Amino acid sequence: MSGPWYLGIDGGQTRTRAVVADATGQVVGRGVGGPSNHVEAPGGRDRLRAGVSDSVAAALQQAGLPVLAEIAFASVYCGMTGEADYKHEVIAPLLRTSALLVEHDAPAALAGATVGEAGIIAIAGTGSVVYGETSSGERARTGGWGYLFGDEGSGFGLARDAVCAAL
């Protein structure tokens, strides 16, 4: 197989998923790694590096492509749980590409759900966020700030509320 190759990464609080696609958009490999959350917590940057590296390595192996250190990607998109600025600093050195975009995972989820149209999406996984975009490109978000500042309706939030109710 020959490139160019494109990489998509979905970094969540429970696991990190990676897909490698060819120039036609055909997915040729998928991989799963550990969580991409709480990067500023002790050991957080190492967990992010491992989650991204492991998921991408598994996707490359499934695709029968060279190992991570030997492959360059035409572009890479990372939709990550939480804020993305500091995650870019950690992810960029791991990947060979001239086009890397690291942002919150909500825009990608919305684009997938609405096929690129305006709309609103609620994500209720380990964490939670509600995100929307208008047809003129305005963006708004509530939540997605982590368990200390909210995450109402998330798996963590529901479990916390259940324990509090039981007490």
N, C-alpha and C. Protein backbone atom coordinates (compact mmCIF):
# COMPACT_ATOMS: atom_id res chain seq x y z
N MET A 1 0.84 -1.19 0.00
CA MET A 1 0.00 0.00 0.00
C MET A 1 0.88 1.24 0.00
N SER A 2 0.40 2.27 -0.66
CA SER A 2 1.15 3.53 -0.66
C SER A 2 0.23 4.66 -0.24
N GLY A 3 0.84 5.72 0.32
CA GLY A 3 0.08 6.83 0.85
C GLY A 3 -0.46 7.73 -0.23
N PRO A 4 -0.91 8.91 0.13
CA PRO A 4 -0.79 9.52 1.46
C PRO A 4 -1.74 8.89 2.48
N TRP A 5 -1.36 9.04 3.76
CA TRP A 5 -2.14 8.49 4.87
C TRP A 5 -2.66 9.62 5.74
N TYR A 6 -3.85 9.42 6.24
CA TYR A 6 -4.53 10.39 7.10
C TYR A 6 -4.85 9.72 8.41
N LEU A 7 -4.71 10.47 9.51
CA LEU A 7 -4.90 9.91 10.85
C LEU A 7 -5.95 10.71 11.60
N GLY A 8 -6.88 10.02 12.21
CA GLY A 8 -7.86 10.63 13.09
C GLY A 8 -7.75 10.02 14.46
N ILE A 9 -7.76 10.85 15.49
CA ILE A 9 -7.65 10.37 16.87
C ILE A 9 -8.79 10.94 17.69
N ASP A 10 -9.47 10.07 18.43
CA ASP A 10 -10.54 10.46 19.35
C ASP A 10 -10.04 10.15 20.75
N GLY A 11 -9.62 11.18 21.47
CA GLY A 11 -9.05 11.00 22.80
C GLY A 11 -10.08 11.24 23.87
N GLY A 12 -10.50 10.20 24.54
CA GLY A 12 -11.51 10.30 25.58
C GLY A 12 -10.96 10.03 26.97
N GLN A 13 -11.83 10.14 27.94
CA GLN A 13 -11.43 9.95 29.33
C GLN A 13 -11.30 8.47 29.71
N THR A 14 -11.83 7.59 28.88
CA THR A 14 -11.74 6.16 29.15
C THR A 14 -10.74 5.49 28.23
N ARG A 15 -10.74 5.90 26.95
CA ARG A 15 -9.83 5.29 25.97
C ARG A 15 -9.54 6.29 24.86
N THR A 16 -8.52 5.96 24.08
CA THR A 16 -8.16 6.75 22.90
C THR A 16 -8.28 5.84 21.69
N ARG A 17 -8.97 6.32 20.67
CA ARG A 17 -9.16 5.54 19.44
C ARG A 17 -8.46 6.25 18.29
N ALA A 18 -7.87 5.47 17.40
CA ALA A 18 -7.20 6.02 16.22
C ALA A 18 -7.68 5.28 14.98
N VAL A 19 -7.81 6.01 13.88
CA VAL A 19 -8.10 5.41 12.58
C VAL A 19 -7.12 5.97 11.56
N VAL A 20 -6.66 5.10 10.68
CA VAL A 20 -5.80 5.50 9.57
C VAL A 20 -6.61 5.29 8.30
N ALA A 21 -6.61 6.30 7.43
CA ALA A 21 -7.36 6.22 6.18
C ALA A 21 -6.43 6.56 5.01
N ASP A 22 -6.82 6.07 3.83
CA ASP A 22 -6.07 6.39 2.62
C ASP A 22 -6.66 7.64 1.97
N ALA A 23 -6.14 8.00 0.80
CA ALA A 23 -6.55 9.23 0.13
C ALA A 23 -8.01 9.22 -0.32
N THR A 24 -8.62 8.04 -0.42
CA THR A 24 -10.03 7.96 -0.81
C THR A 24 -10.97 8.03 0.39
N GLY A 25 -10.39 8.06 1.60
CA GLY A 25 -11.21 8.08 2.82
C GLY A 25 -11.50 6.70 3.36
N GLN A 26 -10.99 5.67 2.71
CA GLN A 26 -11.18 4.29 3.16
C GLN A 26 -10.35 4.05 4.42
N VAL A 27 -11.00 3.62 5.50
CA VAL A 27 -10.28 3.31 6.73
C VAL A 27 -9.53 1.99 6.53
N VAL A 28 -8.22 2.02 6.76
CA VAL A 28 -7.39 0.83 6.57
C VAL A 28 -6.91 0.24 7.89
N GLY A 29 -7.06 0.97 8.99
CA GLY A 29 -6.64 0.45 10.29
C GLY A 29 -7.28 1.22 11.42
N ARG A 30 -7.59 0.47 12.50
CA ARG A 30 -8.17 1.05 13.71
C ARG A 30 -7.38 0.55 14.91
N GLY A 31 -7.25 1.41 15.92
CA GLY A 31 -6.55 1.00 17.12
C GLY A 31 -7.12 1.68 18.35
N VAL A 32 -6.89 1.06 19.51
CA VAL A 32 -7.38 1.58 20.78
C VAL A 32 -6.21 1.64 21.77
N GLY A 33 -6.17 2.72 22.56
CA GLY A 33 -5.18 2.88 23.61
C GLY A 33 -5.84 3.36 24.87
N GLY A 34 -5.05 3.70 25.85
CA GLY A 34 -5.57 4.16 27.14
C GLY A 34 -6.14 5.57 27.07
N PRO A 35 -6.50 6.14 28.23
CA PRO A 35 -7.18 7.43 28.28
C PRO A 35 -6.29 8.61 27.88
N SER A 36 -6.97 9.70 27.49
CA SER A 36 -6.29 10.95 27.11
C SER A 36 -6.72 12.10 28.01
N ASN A 37 -7.09 11.81 29.22
CA ASN A 37 -7.67 12.83 30.09
C ASN A 37 -6.69 13.35 31.14
N HIS A 38 -7.09 14.40 31.81
CA HIS A 38 -6.39 14.94 32.99
C HIS A 38 -4.88 15.04 32.79
N VAL A 39 -4.50 15.72 31.73
CA VAL A 39 -3.10 15.81 31.36
C VAL A 39 -2.27 16.54 32.41
N GLU A 40 -2.86 17.48 33.10
CA GLU A 40 -2.10 18.24 34.09
C GLU A 40 -2.02 17.54 35.45
N ALA A 41 -2.71 16.42 35.61
CA ALA A 41 -2.60 15.64 36.84
C ALA A 41 -1.25 14.92 36.83
N PRO A 42 -0.76 14.50 38.00
CA PRO A 42 0.50 13.75 38.02
C PRO A 42 0.44 12.55 37.07
N GLY A 43 1.42 12.46 36.19
CA GLY A 43 1.47 11.37 35.23
C GLY A 43 0.56 11.55 34.02
N GLY A 44 -0.17 12.66 33.97
CA GLY A 44 -1.14 12.87 32.90
C GLY A 44 -0.53 12.96 31.52
N ARG A 45 0.58 13.65 31.40
CA ARG A 45 1.22 13.78 30.09
C ARG A 45 1.73 12.42 29.60
N ASP A 46 2.25 11.62 30.51
CA ASP A 46 2.71 10.28 30.13
C ASP A 46 1.53 9.41 29.68
N ARG A 47 0.39 9.52 30.38
CA ARG A 47 -0.80 8.75 29.97
C ARG A 47 -1.29 9.19 28.59
N LEU A 48 -1.27 10.49 28.33
CA LEU A 48 -1.68 10.99 27.01
C LEU A 48 -0.74 10.46 25.93
N ARG A 49 0.57 10.56 26.16
CA ARG A 49 1.53 10.04 25.18
C ARG A 49 1.28 8.56 24.91
N ALA A 50 1.08 7.79 25.97
CA ALA A 50 0.86 6.34 25.82
C ALA A 50 -0.46 6.06 25.10
N GLY A 51 -1.53 6.78 25.46
CA GLY A 51 -2.82 6.56 24.82
C GLY A 51 -2.77 6.82 23.33
N VAL A 52 -2.14 7.93 22.95
CA VAL A 52 -2.02 8.27 21.52
C VAL A 52 -1.09 7.28 20.82
N SER A 53 0.10 7.06 21.38
CA SER A 53 1.07 6.16 20.75
C SER A 53 0.52 4.76 20.59
N ASP A 54 -0.11 4.22 21.64
CA ASP A 54 -0.63 2.85 21.59
C ASP A 54 -1.77 2.71 20.58
N SER A 55 -2.67 3.69 20.55
CA SER A 55 -3.80 3.60 19.62
C SER A 55 -3.33 3.71 18.17
N VAL A 56 -2.40 4.63 17.91
CA VAL A 56 -1.89 4.80 16.55
C VAL A 56 -1.08 3.57 16.14
N ALA A 57 -0.25 3.05 17.04
CA ALA A 57 0.53 1.85 16.72
C ALA A 57 -0.37 0.68 16.37
N ALA A 58 -1.46 0.50 17.11
CA ALA A 58 -2.40 -0.59 16.82
C ALA A 58 -3.08 -0.39 15.47
N ALA A 59 -3.45 0.85 15.15
CA ALA A 59 -4.08 1.13 13.85
C ALA A 59 -3.11 0.86 12.70
N LEU A 60 -1.86 1.27 12.87
CA LEU A 60 -0.85 1.04 11.83
C LEU A 60 -0.59 -0.45 11.65
N GLN A 61 -0.53 -1.18 12.76
CA GLN A 61 -0.30 -2.62 12.67
C GLN A 61 -1.45 -3.30 11.92
N GLN A 62 -2.70 -2.93 12.27
CA GLN A 62 -3.85 -3.52 11.59
C GLN A 62 -3.82 -3.21 10.09
N ALA A 63 -3.35 -2.01 9.74
CA ALA A 63 -3.29 -1.61 8.34
C ALA A 63 -2.11 -2.22 7.59
N GLY A 64 -1.18 -2.82 8.33
CA GLY A 64 0.01 -3.38 7.70
C GLY A 64 0.98 -2.30 7.25
N LEU A 65 0.97 -1.16 7.94
CA LEU A 65 1.83 -0.03 7.60
C LEU A 65 3.04 0.01 8.53
N PRO A 66 4.06 0.81 8.18
CA PRO A 66 5.24 0.92 9.03
C PRO A 66 4.90 1.44 10.44
N VAL A 67 5.83 1.22 11.35
CA VAL A 67 5.63 1.67 12.73
C VAL A 67 5.59 3.20 12.78
N LEU A 68 5.10 3.72 13.89
CA LEU A 68 4.87 5.15 14.06
C LEU A 68 6.10 6.00 13.73
N ALA A 69 7.27 5.57 14.16
CA ALA A 69 8.49 6.36 13.94
C ALA A 69 8.88 6.43 12.46
N GLU A 70 8.31 5.55 11.62
CA GLU A 70 8.72 5.48 10.22
C GLU A 70 7.68 6.00 9.23
N ILE A 71 6.56 6.52 9.71
CA ILE A 71 5.49 6.93 8.79
C ILE A 71 5.18 8.41 8.97
N ALA A 72 4.90 9.07 7.86
CA ALA A 72 4.45 10.47 7.89
C ALA A 72 3.00 10.50 7.41
N PHE A 73 2.22 11.36 8.03
CA PHE A 73 0.80 11.50 7.69
C PHE A 73 0.59 12.80 6.92
N ALA A 74 -0.29 12.76 5.91
CA ALA A 74 -0.62 13.96 5.15
C ALA A 74 -1.30 14.97 6.06
N SER A 75 -2.16 14.49 6.95
CA SER A 75 -2.76 15.36 7.97
C SER A 75 -3.26 14.50 9.12
N VAL A 76 -3.36 15.15 10.28
CA VAL A 76 -3.81 14.47 11.50
C VAL A 76 -4.83 15.36 12.19
N TYR A 77 -5.96 14.77 12.56
CA TYR A 77 -6.99 15.47 13.34
C TYR A 77 -7.14 14.75 14.66
N CYS A 78 -7.07 15.51 15.75
CA CYS A 78 -7.26 14.95 17.09
C CYS A 78 -8.42 15.67 17.77
N GLY A 79 -9.49 14.95 18.03
CA GLY A 79 -10.61 15.46 18.82
C GLY A 79 -10.43 14.92 20.23
N MET A 80 -10.11 15.80 21.16
CA MET A 80 -9.71 15.37 22.50
C MET A 80 -10.68 15.86 23.57
N THR A 81 -10.89 15.03 24.58
CA THR A 81 -11.68 15.44 25.72
C THR A 81 -10.97 16.58 26.43
N GLY A 82 -11.71 17.55 26.91
CA GLY A 82 -11.13 18.67 27.63
C GLY A 82 -10.45 19.67 26.72
N GLU A 83 -9.70 20.57 27.31
CA GLU A 83 -9.03 21.61 26.55
C GLU A 83 -7.87 21.03 25.77
N ALA A 84 -7.62 21.57 24.60
CA ALA A 84 -6.67 20.96 23.68
C ALA A 84 -5.31 21.66 23.61
N ASP A 85 -5.18 22.88 24.09
CA ASP A 85 -3.95 23.63 23.90
C ASP A 85 -2.72 22.87 24.39
N TYR A 86 -2.74 22.43 25.63
CA TYR A 86 -1.59 21.74 26.19
C TYR A 86 -1.45 20.34 25.61
N LYS A 87 -2.51 19.77 25.10
CA LYS A 87 -2.43 18.44 24.49
C LYS A 87 -1.67 18.51 23.17
N HIS A 88 -1.80 19.62 22.45
CA HIS A 88 -1.05 19.80 21.21
C HIS A 88 0.45 19.70 21.48
N GLU A 89 0.90 20.31 22.58
CA GLU A 89 2.32 20.28 22.94
C GLU A 89 2.81 18.86 23.16
N VAL A 90 1.96 18.00 23.71
CA VAL A 90 2.34 16.62 24.00
C VAL A 90 2.26 15.76 22.74
N ILE A 91 1.24 15.96 21.92
CA ILE A 91 0.99 15.11 20.76
C ILE A 91 1.91 15.42 19.59
N ALA A 92 2.18 16.70 19.34
CA ALA A 92 2.96 17.10 18.15
C ALA A 92 4.28 16.35 18.00
N PRO A 93 5.08 16.18 19.05
CA PRO A 93 6.35 15.48 18.87
C PRO A 93 6.21 13.98 18.54
N LEU A 94 5.02 13.42 18.75
CA LEU A 94 4.82 11.99 18.51
C LEU A 94 4.57 11.65 17.05
N LEU A 95 4.11 12.63 16.26
CA LEU A 95 3.62 12.36 14.92
C LEU A 95 4.37 13.16 13.87
N ARG A 96 4.66 12.53 12.74
CA ARG A 96 5.29 13.22 11.62
C ARG A 96 4.19 13.68 10.67
N THR A 97 3.91 14.98 10.70
CA THR A 97 2.92 15.58 9.81
C THR A 97 3.16 17.08 9.74
N SER A 98 2.76 17.68 8.64
CA SER A 98 2.84 19.14 8.52
C SER A 98 1.48 19.77 8.78
N ALA A 99 0.46 18.94 9.02
CA ALA A 99 -0.90 19.45 9.23
C ALA A 99 -1.52 18.73 10.43
N LEU A 100 -1.38 19.34 11.61
CA LEU A 100 -1.91 18.76 12.84
C LEU A 100 -2.93 19.72 13.45
N LEU A 101 -4.14 19.23 13.68
CA LEU A 101 -5.17 20.01 14.37
C LEU A 101 -5.59 19.23 15.60
N VAL A 102 -5.44 19.87 16.76
CA VAL A 102 -5.87 19.27 18.03
C VAL A 102 -6.92 20.21 18.61
N GLU A 103 -8.13 19.71 18.83
CA GLU A 103 -9.19 20.52 19.41
C GLU A 103 -10.08 19.66 20.29
N HIS A 104 -11.02 20.30 20.97
CA HIS A 104 -12.00 19.59 21.79
C HIS A 104 -12.73 18.59 20.91
N ASP A 105 -13.21 17.50 21.48
CA ASP A 105 -13.86 16.46 20.67
C ASP A 105 -15.28 16.81 20.23
N ALA A 106 -15.88 17.83 20.79
CA ALA A 106 -17.27 18.17 20.45
C ALA A 106 -17.47 18.58 18.99
N PRO A 107 -16.60 19.40 18.36
CA PRO A 107 -16.83 19.74 16.95
C PRO A 107 -16.86 18.52 16.03
N ALA A 108 -16.00 17.56 16.28
CA ALA A 108 -16.00 16.35 15.44
C ALA A 108 -17.26 15.54 15.66
N ALA A 109 -17.71 15.44 16.90
CA ALA A 109 -18.95 14.71 17.19
C ALA A 109 -20.14 15.38 16.50
N LEU A 110 -20.18 16.71 16.55
CA LEU A 110 -21.27 17.44 15.89
C LEU A 110 -21.22 17.23 14.37
N ALA A 111 -20.04 17.34 13.79
CA ALA A 111 -19.91 17.16 12.34
C ALA A 111 -20.35 15.76 11.92
N GLY A 112 -20.01 14.76 12.73
CA GLY A 112 -20.43 13.40 12.42
C GLY A 112 -21.93 13.21 12.55
N ALA A 113 -22.52 13.85 13.53
CA ALA A 113 -23.96 13.69 13.78
C ALA A 113 -24.82 14.46 12.78
N THR A 114 -24.32 15.60 12.31
CA THR A 114 -25.14 16.46 11.44
C THR A 114 -24.62 16.51 10.00
N VAL A 115 -23.61 15.72 9.69
CA VAL A 115 -22.98 15.71 8.37
C VAL A 115 -22.56 17.13 7.98
N GLY A 116 -21.97 17.84 8.94
CA GLY A 116 -21.44 19.16 8.68
C GLY A 116 -22.42 20.30 8.74
N GLU A 117 -23.66 20.03 9.04
CA GLU A 117 -24.68 21.09 9.14
C GLU A 117 -24.66 21.72 10.53
N ALA A 118 -25.35 22.85 10.69
CA ALA A 118 -25.50 23.49 11.99
C ALA A 118 -26.30 22.57 12.90
N GLY A 119 -26.08 22.69 14.20
CA GLY A 119 -26.84 21.86 15.13
C GLY A 119 -26.27 21.92 16.53
N ILE A 120 -26.82 21.08 17.38
CA ILE A 120 -26.40 20.98 18.78
C ILE A 120 -26.25 19.50 19.10
N ILE A 121 -25.23 19.19 19.90
CA ILE A 121 -25.01 17.81 20.31
C ILE A 121 -24.73 17.77 21.81
N ALA A 122 -25.20 16.73 22.47
CA ALA A 122 -24.88 16.47 23.87
C ALA A 122 -24.05 15.20 23.93
N ILE A 123 -22.90 15.29 24.58
CA ILE A 123 -22.04 14.13 24.77
C ILE A 123 -22.12 13.77 26.25
N ALA A 124 -22.52 12.57 26.55
CA ALA A 124 -22.62 12.10 27.93
C ALA A 124 -21.89 10.77 28.03
N GLY A 125 -20.59 10.85 28.24
CA GLY A 125 -19.76 9.66 28.42
C GLY A 125 -19.21 9.68 29.82
N THR A 126 -17.90 9.42 29.95
CA THR A 126 -17.26 9.54 31.25
C THR A 126 -17.42 10.98 31.74
N GLY A 127 -17.30 11.94 30.83
CA GLY A 127 -17.57 13.35 31.10
C GLY A 127 -18.79 13.77 30.30
N SER A 128 -19.09 15.08 30.31
CA SER A 128 -20.24 15.55 29.53
C SER A 128 -19.98 16.95 29.00
N VAL A 129 -20.61 17.25 27.85
CA VAL A 129 -20.53 18.57 27.24
C VAL A 129 -21.71 18.72 26.29
N VAL A 130 -22.21 19.94 26.16
CA VAL A 130 -23.20 20.27 25.13
C VAL A 130 -22.54 21.33 24.25
N TYR A 131 -22.62 21.12 22.93
CA TYR A 131 -21.91 21.97 21.99
C TYR A 131 -22.79 22.23 20.78
N GLY A 132 -22.69 23.44 20.23
CA GLY A 132 -23.47 23.75 19.04
C GLY A 132 -22.75 24.72 18.13
N GLU A 133 -23.15 24.68 16.86
CA GLU A 133 -22.65 25.62 15.86
C GLU A 133 -23.82 26.11 15.04
N THR A 134 -23.80 27.41 14.70
CA THR A 134 -24.84 27.98 13.84
C THR A 134 -24.41 27.86 12.38
N SER A 135 -25.32 28.15 11.47
CA SER A 135 -24.99 28.09 10.05
C SER A 135 -23.97 29.16 9.66
N SER A 136 -23.84 30.21 10.48
CA SER A 136 -22.83 31.24 10.20
C SER A 136 -21.49 30.94 10.87
N GLY A 137 -21.38 29.78 11.54
CA GLY A 137 -20.11 29.38 12.13
C GLY A 137 -19.90 29.76 13.57
N GLU A 138 -20.88 30.41 14.20
CA GLU A 138 -20.73 30.73 15.62
C GLU A 138 -20.78 29.43 16.42
N ARG A 139 -19.93 29.37 17.46
CA ARG A 139 -19.84 28.17 18.29
C ARG A 139 -20.19 28.51 19.74
N ALA A 140 -20.82 27.56 20.42
CA ALA A 140 -21.11 27.73 21.85
C ALA A 140 -20.99 26.37 22.52
N ARG A 141 -20.57 26.41 23.78
CA ARG A 141 -20.36 25.17 24.52
C ARG A 141 -20.69 25.40 25.98
N THR A 142 -21.23 24.38 26.61
CA THR A 142 -21.38 24.38 28.06
C THR A 142 -20.93 23.02 28.56
N GLY A 143 -20.27 23.02 29.69
CA GLY A 143 -19.74 21.77 30.23
C GLY A 143 -18.42 21.41 29.59
N GLY A 144 -18.01 20.16 29.83
CA GLY A 144 -16.74 19.70 29.30
C GLY A 144 -15.55 20.22 30.08
N TRP A 145 -15.79 20.64 31.31
CA TRP A 145 -14.72 21.24 32.11
C TRP A 145 -14.13 20.27 33.12
N GLY A 146 -14.62 19.03 33.16
CA GLY A 146 -14.08 18.05 34.09
C GLY A 146 -14.93 17.90 35.34
N TYR A 147 -14.65 16.86 36.08
CA TYR A 147 -15.49 16.50 37.23
C TYR A 147 -15.47 17.54 38.35
N LEU A 148 -14.43 18.32 38.47
CA LEU A 148 -14.38 19.32 39.54
C LEU A 148 -15.33 20.48 39.30
N PHE A 149 -15.64 20.76 38.04
CA PHE A 149 -16.43 21.94 37.71
C PHE A 149 -17.78 21.63 37.10
N GLY A 150 -18.19 20.38 37.13
CA GLY A 150 -19.49 20.05 36.55
C GLY A 150 -19.59 18.63 36.10
N ASP A 151 -19.68 18.43 34.81
CA ASP A 151 -19.90 17.12 34.19
C ASP A 151 -21.25 16.53 34.57
N GLU A 152 -22.25 17.40 34.76
CA GLU A 152 -23.60 16.92 35.03
C GLU A 152 -24.05 16.02 33.89
N GLY A 153 -24.69 14.91 34.21
CA GLY A 153 -25.19 13.98 33.21
C GLY A 153 -24.14 13.01 32.69
N SER A 154 -22.91 13.13 33.14
CA SER A 154 -21.86 12.21 32.71
C SER A 154 -21.91 10.92 33.52
N GLY A 155 -21.18 9.92 33.08
CA GLY A 155 -21.08 8.68 33.85
C GLY A 155 -20.53 8.95 35.24
N PHE A 156 -19.49 9.79 35.32
CA PHE A 156 -18.93 10.14 36.62
C PHE A 156 -19.95 10.87 37.46
N GLY A 157 -20.63 11.86 36.87
CA GLY A 157 -21.61 12.66 37.60
C GLY A 157 -22.77 11.83 38.12
N LEU A 158 -23.26 10.91 37.30
CA LEU A 158 -24.37 10.05 37.74
C LEU A 158 -23.94 9.15 38.89
N ALA A 159 -22.73 8.59 38.80
CA ALA A 159 -22.23 7.73 39.89
C ALA A 159 -22.04 8.54 41.17
N ARG A 160 -21.47 9.74 41.05
CA ARG A 160 -21.28 10.61 42.21
C ARG A 160 -22.62 10.93 42.86
N ASP A 161 -23.62 11.28 42.05
CA ASP A 161 -24.95 11.61 42.58
C ASP A 161 -25.60 10.40 43.24
N ALA A 162 -25.39 9.21 42.69
CA ALA A 162 -25.96 7.99 43.28
C ALA A 162 -25.34 7.72 44.65
N VAL A 163 -24.02 7.90 44.76
CA VAL A 163 -23.36 7.69 46.05
C VAL A 163 -23.86 8.72 47.06
N CYS A 164 -23.99 9.97 46.65
CA CYS A 164 -24.49 11.01 47.56
C CYS A 164 -25.91 10.70 48.01
N ALA A 165 -26.75 10.22 47.11
CA ALA A 165 -28.13 9.88 47.46
C ALA A 165 -28.18 8.71 48.44
N ALA A 166 -27.25 7.77 48.29
CA ALA A 166 -27.22 6.60 49.18
C ALA A 166 -26.73 6.97 50.57
N LEU A 167 -25.95 8.02 50.67
CA LEU A 167 -25.43 8.44 51.97
C LEU A 167 -26.51 9.17 52.72
